Amino acid sequence: MYRIERTEDIKSLLPNKEEVFALNIEYSNLRELPKEISQFINLKFLDISGNRFKDKEKLFNDLSKLPNLRFLFANKCYLKALPDN
């Protein structure tokens, strides 16, 4: 699992983006997902815990662009419910 503490660090993973299956960006003071995250098409595990996303609709829209995502950890993200879609 790759651990990213700063959003600019995610760019360092782009050359090997097909090999990234698990990503931990917990407690990274994120307000939205980094735009590069949609390039990790093989991502299966994502931990976004402890971040306060300002636009929940955008968050779920961004997550929907990850076709292989199977496990999402979102503890302490102040999400009250998941969307139906």
Protein backbone atom coordinates (compact mmCIF):
# COMPACT_ATOMS: atom_id res chain seq x y z
CA MET A 1 0.00 0.00 0.00
CA TYR A 2 1.29 3.42 -0.93
CA ARG A 3 1.04 6.12 1.77
CA ILE A 4 0.75 9.71 0.59
CA GLU A 5 1.05 12.56 3.08
CA ARG A 6 1.03 15.48 0.66
CA THR A 7 -1.05 15.77 -2.48
CA GLU A 8 1.99 16.69 -4.55
CA ASP A 9 3.48 13.28 -3.65
CA ILE A 10 0.78 11.54 -5.65
CA LYS A 11 2.40 12.76 -8.86
CA SER A 12 5.46 10.65 -8.05
CA LEU A 13 3.30 7.53 -8.43
CA LEU A 14 2.00 8.42 -11.89
CA PRO A 15 4.81 6.74 -13.88
CA ASN A 16 3.74 3.42 -12.30
CA LYS A 17 0.04 4.17 -12.03
CA GLU A 18 -1.00 0.75 -13.40
CA GLU A 19 0.81 -0.90 -10.48
CA VAL A 20 -0.96 1.06 -7.73
CA PHE A 21 -3.64 -1.17 -6.20
CA ALA A 22 -3.84 0.36 -2.73
CA LEU A 23 -3.49 3.97 -1.64
CA ASN A 24 -3.59 5.52 1.81
CA ILE A 25 -4.21 9.27 1.94
CA GLU A 26 -5.69 9.32 5.43
CA TYR A 27 -5.35 12.46 7.59
CA SER A 28 -3.81 14.45 4.74
CA ASN A 29 -5.91 17.59 5.33
CA LEU A 30 -7.67 17.10 2.01
CA ARG A 31 -10.74 19.13 1.07
CA GLU A 32 -11.13 17.23 -2.20
CA LEU A 33 -9.49 14.25 -3.86
CA PRO A 34 -6.43 15.04 -5.95
CA LYS A 35 -7.41 15.21 -9.62
CA GLU A 36 -4.69 12.67 -10.46
CA ILE A 37 -6.46 9.94 -8.50
CA SER A 38 -8.70 9.09 -11.45
CA GLN A 39 -5.59 7.91 -13.35
CA PHE A 40 -5.12 4.99 -10.94
CA ILE A 41 -7.53 2.71 -12.79
CA ASN A 42 -6.34 -0.45 -10.99
CA LEU A 43 -6.90 1.01 -7.54
CA LYS A 44 -8.82 -1.46 -5.37
CA PHE A 45 -8.24 -0.12 -1.84
CA LEU A 46 -8.45 3.54 -0.87
CA ASP A 47 -8.23 5.03 2.61
CA ILE A 48 -9.45 8.63 2.81
CA SER A 49 -10.10 8.60 6.57
CA GLY A 50 -9.72 11.76 8.59
CA ASN A 51 -10.14 14.22 5.73
CA ARG A 52 -12.92 16.84 5.67
CA PHE A 53 -14.16 16.93 2.12
CA LYS A 54 -16.03 20.15 1.40
CA ASP A 55 -18.17 18.91 -1.51
CA LYS A 56 -19.53 15.43 -0.83
CA GLU A 57 -21.23 15.19 -4.24
CA LYS A 58 -17.92 15.90 -5.99
CA LEU A 59 -16.17 13.38 -3.75
CA PHE A 60 -18.54 10.59 -4.77
CA ASN A 61 -18.39 11.66 -8.40
CA ASP A 62 -14.58 11.44 -8.27
CA LEU A 63 -14.74 8.04 -6.57
CA SER A 64 -17.07 6.76 -9.29
CA LYS A 65 -14.23 7.25 -11.79
CA LEU A 66 -12.29 4.43 -10.13
CA PRO A 67 -13.72 1.35 -11.88
CA ASN A 68 -11.91 -1.27 -9.79
CA LEU A 69 -12.35 0.30 -6.36
CA ARG A 70 -13.66 -2.38 -3.98
CA PHE A 71 -12.73 -1.13 -0.51
CA LEU A 72 -13.14 2.44 0.68
CA PHE A 73 -12.14 3.41 4.18
CA ALA A 74 -13.66 6.75 5.15
CA ASN A 75 -13.62 6.89 8.95
CA LYS A 76 -13.97 10.36 10.48
CA CYS A 77 -14.78 12.02 7.14
CA TYR A 78 -18.08 13.33 8.50
CA LEU A 79 -20.08 11.45 5.88
CA LYS A 80 -23.59 10.77 7.07
CA ALA A 81 -24.71 8.57 4.18
CA LEU A 82 -23.56 7.17 0.89
CA PRO A 83 -25.39 8.07 -2.30
CA ASP A 84 -27.68 5.48 -3.86
CA ASN A 85 -25.71 5.39 -7.08
